[in-house]
Amino acid sequence: MKQKKVIFHKQRAHCNPLSHHQLDYPMCPSSMDWSKLYPDFPDQAPEIADIGCGYGGLLISLSTLFPDALILGGEIRTNVVKYVQDRIANLRSENSGKNISVLRMNAMKFLPNFFFKGQLSKLFFLFPDPHFKKRKHKSRIITFGLLSEYAYVLKNGGRLYTATDVKDLFDWQVSQLDSHPLFRRLPEEELLKDPCVQIMLHQTEEGKKVDRNLGQKFYFVWERIS
């Protein structure tokens, strides 16, 4: 298994999602051929997406929790995508990881190009770039305007998961989501019943880094409502 520290896979922690990246994307969801990414599931499409999937820790954990669901990681950094592709290839050579894949994508610009209305049941935004400066807040992955697109691709009852170690960003996310009419924040007792919560907090590379540094994590889950 190639290690993240290998020079080939080195990449800046974040990149500007509003820059003009050279990206391939379908004109519409019906032109997306998912069988190329999931050859063992030729008649299925992803129903779970991890946006900004990083080095794939969440994807791998979810693959065993939801073995019958296709799970897609979206990541904008080229070298990180290549690392996750290699990681998945190694898993598949050992007869696992067949229901997970990764694509280089800019979800802030092209998410509806990939997914039909109501296609997804779960959408993860974990430890994203906080974009601390006020003039950079427009680059945050969760904004009121983008939430309408996320609501579009989520089915009714689908869940949007957020986690961060930055309190300012967390407060921003809460303010955006709580004010959006298509999302309902789940109460604590419902979070305790959701196995995805513990996985998202402790199985991502960023989550593990926060644990090592004895940092604090802030998280919530919102439900798509009609």
Protein backbone atom coordinates (compact mmCIF):
# COMPACT_ATOMS: atom_id res chain seq x y z
CA MET A 1 0.00 0.00 0.00
CA LYS A 2 1.44 3.37 -0.95
CA GLN A 3 1.80 5.75 1.96
CA LYS A 4 0.47 9.28 2.04
CA LYS A 5 3.94 10.66 2.80
CA VAL A 6 5.33 9.50 -0.55
CA ILE A 7 6.48 12.59 -2.48
CA PHE A 8 4.30 11.75 -5.49
CA HIS A 9 1.17 12.22 -3.42
CA LYS A 10 2.21 15.40 -1.63
CA GLN A 11 -0.33 18.17 -2.09
CA ARG A 12 -1.36 21.37 -0.38
CA ALA A 13 -3.99 20.83 2.31
CA HIS A 14 -6.53 22.93 0.40
CA CYS A 15 -6.97 24.63 -2.94
CA ASN A 16 -9.19 27.40 -4.22
CA PRO A 17 -12.51 25.90 -5.43
CA LEU A 18 -13.33 29.09 -7.35
CA SER A 19 -10.21 28.86 -9.52
CA HIS A 20 -10.51 27.67 -13.10
CA HIS A 21 -9.44 24.04 -12.81
CA GLN A 22 -9.33 21.78 -15.85
CA LEU A 23 -12.01 19.25 -14.98
CA ASP A 24 -13.99 16.62 -16.82
CA TYR A 25 -17.67 16.47 -15.95
CA PRO A 26 -20.84 15.15 -17.61
CA MET A 27 -23.24 17.55 -19.27
CA CYS A 28 -26.05 15.98 -17.24
CA PRO A 29 -26.47 12.99 -14.89
CA SER A 30 -27.93 10.78 -17.62
CA SER A 31 -24.64 10.95 -19.54
CA MET A 32 -22.59 9.73 -16.56
CA ASP A 33 -21.45 6.11 -16.99
CA TRP A 34 -20.95 4.85 -13.43
CA SER A 35 -20.09 1.32 -14.56
CA LYS A 36 -16.58 2.51 -15.40
CA LEU A 37 -16.03 3.33 -11.73
CA TYR A 38 -17.98 0.39 -10.32
CA PRO A 39 -17.59 -2.51 -12.79
CA ASP A 40 -19.09 -4.99 -10.32
CA PHE A 41 -22.28 -2.92 -10.08
CA PRO A 42 -23.12 -2.10 -13.71
CA ASP A 43 -26.76 -1.20 -13.06
CA GLN A 44 -26.30 1.00 -9.98
CA ALA A 45 -25.37 4.62 -9.29
CA PRO A 46 -23.90 6.17 -6.14
CA GLU A 47 -26.26 7.01 -3.31
CA ILE A 48 -23.68 8.20 -0.79
CA ALA A 49 -21.13 10.95 -1.48
CA ASP A 50 -18.19 12.25 0.55
CA ILE A 51 -17.35 15.71 -0.78
CA GLY A 52 -13.72 16.62 -0.18
CA CYS A 53 -12.98 12.99 0.65
CA GLY A 54 -9.28 13.57 1.32
CA TYR A 55 -7.28 10.35 1.53
CA GLY A 56 -10.29 8.03 1.61
CA GLY A 57 -10.62 7.01 5.25
CA LEU A 58 -14.35 7.60 5.38
CA LEU A 59 -14.95 5.84 2.06
CA ILE A 60 -13.26 2.68 3.25
CA SER A 61 -15.14 2.62 6.56
CA LEU A 62 -18.49 3.23 4.87
CA SER A 63 -17.85 0.50 2.31
CA THR A 64 -18.28 -2.21 4.95
CA LEU A 65 -21.12 -0.44 6.77
CA PHE A 66 -23.12 -0.15 3.51
CA PRO A 67 -21.89 -3.07 1.36
CA ASP A 68 -24.82 -2.87 -1.05
CA ALA A 69 -24.62 0.89 -1.66
CA LEU A 70 -22.28 2.66 -4.08
CA ILE A 71 -20.22 5.33 -2.35
CA LEU A 72 -18.38 8.11 -4.18
CA GLY A 73 -15.59 10.33 -2.98
CA GLY A 74 -15.27 13.74 -4.61
CA GLU A 75 -11.92 15.50 -4.36
CA ILE A 76 -10.45 18.46 -6.23
CA ARG A 77 -6.74 17.87 -5.54
CA THR A 78 -5.18 15.81 -8.33
CA ASN A 79 -2.50 13.98 -6.36
CA VAL A 80 -4.91 13.14 -3.57
CA VAL A 81 -7.34 11.62 -6.09
CA LYS A 82 -4.51 9.51 -7.50
CA TYR A 83 -3.62 8.30 -4.01
CA VAL A 84 -7.21 7.26 -3.27
CA GLN A 85 -7.46 5.53 -6.66
CA ASP A 86 -4.34 3.51 -5.82
CA ARG A 87 -5.71 2.75 -2.38
CA ILE A 88 -9.00 1.47 -3.82
CA ALA A 89 -7.15 -0.56 -6.47
CA ASN A 90 -5.21 -2.31 -3.71
CA LEU A 91 -8.42 -3.06 -1.83
CA ARG A 92 -10.07 -4.47 -4.94
CA SER A 93 -7.07 -6.71 -5.55
CA GLU A 94 -7.90 -8.18 -2.13
CA ASN A 95 -11.58 -8.56 -3.09
CA SER A 96 -12.90 -5.62 -1.09
CA GLY A 97 -13.70 -1.96 -1.75
CA LYS A 98 -15.69 -2.75 -4.88
CA ASN A 99 -18.52 -0.40 -3.92
CA ILE A 100 -16.35 2.70 -3.45
CA SER A 101 -14.68 4.98 -5.99
CA VAL A 102 -13.32 8.49 -6.33
CA LEU A 103 -13.60 11.27 -8.88
CA ARG A 104 -11.80 14.55 -9.30
CA MET A 105 -14.58 17.10 -9.11
CA ASN A 106 -15.51 20.59 -7.99
CA ALA A 107 -18.77 20.06 -6.13
CA MET A 108 -19.31 23.78 -5.69
CA LYS A 109 -19.69 24.16 -9.46
CA PHE A 110 -20.74 20.85 -10.94
CA LEU A 111 -22.52 18.64 -8.38
CA PRO A 112 -25.89 18.66 -10.25
CA ASN A 113 -24.06 17.53 -13.38
CA PHE A 114 -23.34 14.21 -11.69
CA PHE A 115 -26.44 13.45 -9.64
CA PHE A 116 -30.15 13.33 -10.39
CA LYS A 117 -32.69 15.02 -8.16
CA GLY A 118 -33.10 12.95 -5.00
CA GLN A 119 -30.38 10.47 -5.95
CA LEU A 120 -28.35 10.65 -2.73
CA SER A 121 -29.27 9.40 0.72
CA LYS A 122 -26.17 10.73 2.48
CA LEU A 123 -23.86 13.66 1.79
CA PHE A 124 -20.73 14.31 3.86
CA PHE A 125 -18.77 17.57 4.27
CA LEU A 126 -16.03 16.76 6.78
CA PHE A 127 -13.24 19.04 7.98
CA PRO A 128 -13.39 21.40 4.98
CA ASP A 129 -11.18 24.43 4.39
CA PRO A 130 -12.40 27.04 6.93
CA HIS A 131 -11.50 30.04 4.73
CA PHE A 132 -11.01 32.24 7.78
CA LYS A 133 -10.90 35.63 6.06
CA LYS A 134 -14.32 37.23 5.63
CA ARG A 135 -13.73 37.93 1.95
CA LYS A 136 -13.12 34.19 1.51
CA HIS A 137 -16.38 33.07 3.08
CA LYS A 138 -17.88 32.78 -0.41
CA SER A 139 -15.45 29.90 -0.97
CA ARG A 140 -16.82 27.87 1.92
CA ILE A 141 -18.34 24.57 0.87
CA ILE A 142 -21.53 25.24 2.85
CA THR A 143 -23.38 28.44 2.01
CA PHE A 144 -27.08 29.20 1.84
CA GLY A 145 -27.03 29.18 -1.97
CA LEU A 146 -25.11 25.92 -2.29
CA LEU A 147 -27.44 24.25 0.19
CA SER A 148 -30.23 24.48 -2.38
CA GLU A 149 -28.11 22.37 -4.74
CA TYR A 150 -27.33 19.88 -1.99
CA ALA A 151 -31.03 19.67 -1.16
CA TYR A 152 -31.72 19.01 -4.85
CA VAL A 153 -29.50 15.92 -5.03
CA LEU A 154 -30.61 14.58 -1.63
CA LYS A 155 -33.80 12.56 -1.37
CA ASN A 156 -36.42 13.51 1.20
CA GLY A 157 -35.18 12.15 4.50
CA GLY A 158 -31.59 12.10 3.22
CA ARG A 159 -28.91 13.34 5.58
CA LEU A 160 -26.20 15.98 5.31
CA TYR A 161 -23.28 15.43 7.69
CA THR A 162 -20.84 18.12 8.82
CA ALA A 163 -17.77 18.01 11.08
CA THR A 164 -14.96 20.47 11.77
CA ASP A 165 -12.46 21.38 14.46
CA VAL A 166 -12.94 25.11 13.80
CA LYS A 167 -15.63 26.65 16.02
CA ASP A 168 -16.06 29.72 13.80
CA LEU A 169 -16.71 27.54 10.77
CA PHE A 170 -19.11 25.36 12.72
CA ASP A 171 -21.12 28.40 13.82
CA TRP A 172 -21.24 29.52 10.18
CA GLN A 173 -22.47 26.12 9.02
CA VAL A 174 -25.16 26.04 11.69
CA SER A 175 -26.36 29.53 10.76
CA GLN A 176 -26.58 28.61 7.06
CA LEU A 177 -28.30 25.26 7.55
CA ASP A 178 -30.67 26.33 10.31
CA SER A 179 -31.93 29.18 8.15
CA HIS A 180 -32.52 27.00 5.09
CA PRO A 181 -36.13 25.82 4.66
CA LEU A 182 -35.18 22.44 3.19
CA PHE A 183 -33.11 21.19 6.14
CA ARG A 184 -33.94 20.15 9.70
CA ARG A 185 -31.23 19.77 12.32
CA LEU A 186 -31.43 16.33 13.95
CA PRO A 187 -31.67 16.22 17.76
CA GLU A 188 -28.92 14.60 19.80
CA GLU A 189 -30.88 11.41 20.46
CA GLU A 190 -31.13 10.75 16.71
CA LEU A 191 -27.40 11.32 16.25
CA LEU A 192 -26.66 8.64 18.82
CA LYS A 193 -28.55 6.10 16.69
CA ASP A 194 -26.65 6.93 13.49
CA PRO A 195 -23.50 4.77 13.07
CA CYS A 196 -22.15 7.21 10.48
CA VAL A 197 -21.55 9.83 13.16
CA GLN A 198 -18.81 7.94 15.01
CA ILE A 199 -17.24 6.86 11.73
CA MET A 200 -17.08 10.42 10.38
CA LEU A 201 -15.54 11.70 13.61
CA HIS A 202 -12.87 9.05 14.04
CA GLN A 203 -12.15 7.28 10.72
CA THR A 204 -11.13 10.20 8.50
CA GLU A 205 -7.49 11.24 8.38
CA GLU A 206 -8.39 14.74 9.59
CA GLY A 207 -10.49 13.35 12.42
CA LYS A 208 -7.61 11.16 13.56
CA LYS A 209 -5.28 14.17 13.41
CA VAL A 210 -7.59 16.14 15.69
CA ASP A 211 -7.63 13.20 18.11
CA ARG A 212 -3.84 13.03 18.16
CA ASN A 213 -3.66 16.76 18.89
CA LEU A 214 -6.33 16.43 21.60
CA GLY A 215 -8.47 18.92 19.69
CA GLN A 216 -12.22 19.48 19.84
CA LYS A 217 -14.66 18.47 17.12
CA PHE A 218 -17.93 20.17 16.27
CA TYR A 219 -20.55 18.32 14.29
CA PHE A 220 -24.20 18.07 13.42
CA VAL A 221 -26.43 16.22 10.99
CA TRP A 222 -29.28 17.77 9.03
CA GLU A 223 -32.18 15.99 7.36
CA ARG A 224 -33.55 16.96 3.96
CA ILE A 225 -37.21 17.86 4.31
CA SER A 226 -39.83 18.67 1.69
